[in-house]
């Protein structure tokens, strides 16, 4: 099995257990070699409530580092606070909770969002 296949199996296993609502959205993470993305998703209405990434105009950066992932998390936390969302469910997308994914989650928590 390839590494990507293993991640997709983990992603499916995680998604069986968690889902988002309008008041407690699911924070879905995707990372590529050069960027990291996070979306607040309401699974009941199948809608994206907010999103942030290293491609956002506020954060445009050349390299993907733990620091840039943390800034994406802080931006996402600010957007969730504007929507009066204080709690969310973190969907790591099959990635190991380490490095950039952990920095992203810490950035969201710094703004007061619980998960």
C-alpha atoms as a PDB file:
ATOM      1  CA  UNK A   1       0.000   0.000   0.000  1.00  0.00           C
ATOM      2  CA  UNK A   2       1.179   3.493  -0.800  1.00  0.00           C
ATOM      3  CA  UNK A   3       1.442   6.176   1.858  1.00  0.00           C
ATOM      4  CA  UNK A   4      -1.387   8.179   0.251  1.00  0.00           C
ATOM      5  CA  UNK A   5      -3.648   5.107   0.333  1.00  0.00           C
ATOM      6  CA  UNK A   6      -2.934   4.591   4.035  1.00  0.00           C
ATOM      7  CA  UNK A   7      -3.782   8.233   4.777  1.00  0.00           C
ATOM      8  CA  UNK A   8      -7.058   7.943   2.864  1.00  0.00           C
ATOM      9  CA  UNK A   9      -8.002   4.835   4.867  1.00  0.00           C
ATOM     10  CA  UNK A  10      -7.288   6.715   8.104  1.00  0.00           C
ATOM     11  CA  UNK A  11      -9.321   9.668   6.812  1.00  0.00           C
ATOM     12  CA  UNK A  12     -12.342   7.454   6.130  1.00  0.00           C
ATOM     13  CA  UNK A  13     -12.033   5.823   9.552  1.00  0.00           C
ATOM     14  CA  UNK A  14     -11.969   9.245  11.241  1.00  0.00           C
ATOM     15  CA  UNK A  15     -14.907  10.592   9.196  1.00  0.00           C
ATOM     16  CA  UNK A  16     -17.122   7.700  10.334  1.00  0.00           C
ATOM     17  CA  UNK A  17     -16.883   9.025  13.879  1.00  0.00           C
ATOM     18  CA  UNK A  18     -17.132  12.814  13.535  1.00  0.00           C
ATOM     19  CA  UNK A  19     -19.382  15.310  11.797  1.00  0.00           C
ATOM     20  CA  UNK A  20     -20.052  19.030  11.989  1.00  0.00           C
ATOM     21  CA  UNK A  21     -23.160  21.017  12.817  1.00  0.00           C
ATOM     22  CA  UNK A  22     -23.947  24.726  12.331  1.00  0.00           C
ATOM     23  CA  UNK A  23     -22.990  25.479  15.963  1.00  0.00           C
ATOM     24  CA  UNK A  24     -20.071  22.997  16.213  1.00  0.00           C
ATOM     25  CA  UNK A  25     -18.479  22.749  12.750  1.00  0.00           C
ATOM     26  CA  UNK A  26     -15.916  20.202  11.610  1.00  0.00           C
ATOM     27  CA  UNK A  27     -12.489  21.736  10.955  1.00  0.00           C
ATOM     28  CA  UNK A  28     -11.155  19.749   7.997  1.00  0.00           C
ATOM     29  CA  UNK A  29      -7.412  19.959   7.285  1.00  0.00           C
ATOM     30  CA  UNK A  30      -5.637  19.320   3.987  1.00  0.00           C
ATOM     31  CA  UNK A  31      -1.977  19.839   3.389  1.00  0.00           C
ATOM     32  CA  UNK A  32       0.085  19.655   0.237  1.00  0.00           C
ATOM     33  CA  UNK A  33       3.840  19.991  -0.102  1.00  0.00           C
ATOM     34  CA  UNK A  34       3.593  23.767  -0.427  1.00  0.00           C
ATOM     35  CA  UNK A  35       0.330  24.824   1.299  1.00  0.00           C
ATOM     36  CA  UNK A  36      -2.007  23.996   4.169  1.00  0.00           C
ATOM     37  CA  UNK A  37      -5.784  24.498   4.098  1.00  0.00           C
ATOM     38  CA  UNK A  38      -8.505  24.375   6.765  1.00  0.00           C
ATOM     39  CA  UNK A  39     -12.295  24.595   6.350  1.00  0.00           C
ATOM     40  CA  UNK A  40     -15.117  24.879   8.880  1.00  0.00           C
ATOM     41  CA  UNK A  41     -17.788  22.546   7.533  1.00  0.00           C
ATOM     42  CA  UNK A  42     -21.443  22.125   8.515  1.00  0.00           C
ATOM     43  CA  UNK A  43     -22.137  18.518   7.494  1.00  0.00           C
ATOM     44  CA  UNK A  44     -25.867  18.715   8.186  1.00  0.00           C
ATOM     45  CA  UNK A  45     -26.416  21.412   5.543  1.00  0.00           C
ATOM     46  CA  UNK A  46     -23.365  20.410   3.464  1.00  0.00           C
ATOM     47  CA  UNK A  47     -21.928  23.931   3.603  1.00  0.00           C
ATOM     48  CA  UNK A  48     -18.538  25.479   4.221  1.00  0.00           C
ATOM     49  CA  UNK A  49     -18.849  28.188   6.883  1.00  0.00           C
ATOM     50  CA  UNK A  50     -15.290  29.565   6.699  1.00  0.00           C
ATOM     51  CA  UNK A  51     -11.913  28.683   5.260  1.00  0.00           C
ATOM     52  CA  UNK A  52      -8.283  29.745   5.499  1.00  0.00           C
ATOM     53  CA  UNK A  53      -5.034  28.691   3.881  1.00  0.00           C
ATOM     54  CA  UNK A  54      -1.497  29.821   3.170  1.00  0.00           C
ATOM     55  CA  UNK A  55      -2.909  31.118  -0.127  1.00  0.00           C
ATOM     56  CA  UNK A  56      -5.125  33.646   1.702  1.00  0.00           C
ATOM     57  CA  UNK A  57      -4.207  37.227   0.727  1.00  0.00           C
ATOM     58  CA  UNK A  58      -3.460  38.094   4.375  1.00  0.00           C
ATOM     59  CA  UNK A  59      -0.935  35.267   4.748  1.00  0.00           C
ATOM     60  CA  UNK A  60       0.619  34.755   1.317  1.00  0.00           C
ATOM     61  CA  UNK A  61       3.948  33.050   2.089  1.00  0.00           C
ATOM     62  CA  UNK A  62       6.620  31.335   0.022  1.00  0.00           C
ATOM     63  CA  UNK A  63       7.378  28.444   2.368  1.00  0.00           C
ATOM     64  CA  UNK A  64       5.145  26.177   4.417  1.00  0.00           C
ATOM     65  CA  UNK A  65       6.505  26.117   7.959  1.00  0.00           C
ATOM     66  CA  UNK A  66       5.120  25.458  11.406  1.00  0.00           C
ATOM     67  CA  UNK A  67       4.945  29.224  11.890  1.00  0.00           C
ATOM     68  CA  UNK A  68       2.904  29.785   8.713  1.00  0.00           C
ATOM     69  CA  UNK A  69       0.579  26.902   9.701  1.00  0.00           C
ATOM     70  CA  UNK A  70       0.096  28.565  13.092  1.00  0.00           C
ATOM     71  CA  UNK A  71      -0.824  31.857  11.379  1.00  0.00           C
ATOM     72  CA  UNK A  72      -3.400  30.031   9.231  1.00  0.00           C
ATOM     73  CA  UNK A  73      -4.865  28.602  12.446  1.00  0.00           C
ATOM     74  CA  UNK A  74      -5.051  32.046  14.026  1.00  0.00           C
ATOM     75  CA  UNK A  75      -6.781  33.445  10.933  1.00  0.00           C
ATOM     76  CA  UNK A  76      -9.287  30.585  11.049  1.00  0.00           C
ATOM     77  CA  UNK A  77      -9.876  31.206  14.758  1.00  0.00           C
ATOM     78  CA  UNK A  78     -10.656  34.880  14.053  1.00  0.00           C
ATOM     79  CA  UNK A  79     -13.113  33.939  11.301  1.00  0.00           C
ATOM     80  CA  UNK A  80     -14.883  31.464  13.605  1.00  0.00           C
ATOM     81  CA  UNK A  81     -15.164  34.065  16.371  1.00  0.00           C
ATOM     82  CA  UNK A  82     -16.799  36.480  13.901  1.00  0.00           C
ATOM     83  CA  UNK A  83     -19.398  33.746  13.258  1.00  0.00           C
ATOM     84  CA  UNK A  84     -19.923  33.361  17.053  1.00  0.00           C
ATOM     85  CA  UNK A  85     -18.531  29.825  17.013  1.00  0.00           C
ATOM     86  CA  UNK A  86     -16.644  28.913  20.165  1.00  0.00           C
ATOM     87  CA  UNK A  87     -16.436  25.135  19.779  1.00  0.00           C
ATOM     88  CA  UNK A  88     -15.476  22.891  16.869  1.00  0.00           C
ATOM     89  CA  UNK A  89     -14.516  19.312  15.995  1.00  0.00           C
ATOM     90  CA  UNK A  90     -10.987  18.854  14.605  1.00  0.00           C
ATOM     91  CA  UNK A  91     -10.682  16.569  11.556  1.00  0.00           C
ATOM     92  CA  UNK A  92      -6.985  16.011  10.922  1.00  0.00           C
ATOM     93  CA  UNK A  93      -7.743  14.392   7.560  1.00  0.00           C
ATOM     94  CA  UNK A  94      -5.736  11.238   8.212  1.00  0.00           C
ATOM     95  CA  UNK A  95      -2.536  13.166   8.898  1.00  0.00           C
ATOM     96  CA  UNK A  96      -0.520  12.469  12.033  1.00  0.00           C
ATOM     97  CA  UNK A  97      -1.211  15.070  14.749  1.00  0.00           C
ATOM     98  CA  UNK A  98       2.348  16.381  14.647  1.00  0.00           C
ATOM     99  CA  UNK A  99       4.303  19.246  13.119  1.00  0.00           C
ATOM    100  CA  UNK A 100       2.265  21.514  10.845  1.00  0.00           C
ATOM    101  CA  UNK A 101      -1.103  19.968  11.710  1.00  0.00           C
ATOM    102  CA  UNK A 102      -0.403  20.451  15.424  1.00  0.00           C
ATOM    103  CA  UNK A 103       0.768  24.055  14.819  1.00  0.00           C
ATOM    104  CA  UNK A 104      -2.459  24.754  12.908  1.00  0.00           C
ATOM    105  CA  UNK A 105      -4.558  23.379  15.785  1.00  0.00           C
ATOM    106  CA  UNK A 106      -2.561  25.376  18.339  1.00  0.00           C
ATOM    107  CA  UNK A 107      -3.152  28.561  16.323  1.00  0.00           C
ATOM    108  CA  UNK A 108      -6.907  27.935  16.368  1.00  0.00           C
ATOM    109  CA  UNK A 109      -6.836  27.265  20.121  1.00  0.00           C
ATOM    110  CA  UNK A 110      -4.898  30.498  20.742  1.00  0.00           C
ATOM    111  CA  UNK A 111      -7.950  32.432  19.543  1.00  0.00           C
ATOM    112  CA  UNK A 112     -10.193  30.673  22.101  1.00  0.00           C
ATOM    113  CA  UNK A 113     -11.811  27.960  19.990  1.00  0.00           C
ATOM    114  CA  UNK A 114     -12.272  24.672  21.888  1.00  0.00           C
ATOM    115  CA  UNK A 115     -12.027  21.154  20.464  1.00  0.00           C
END
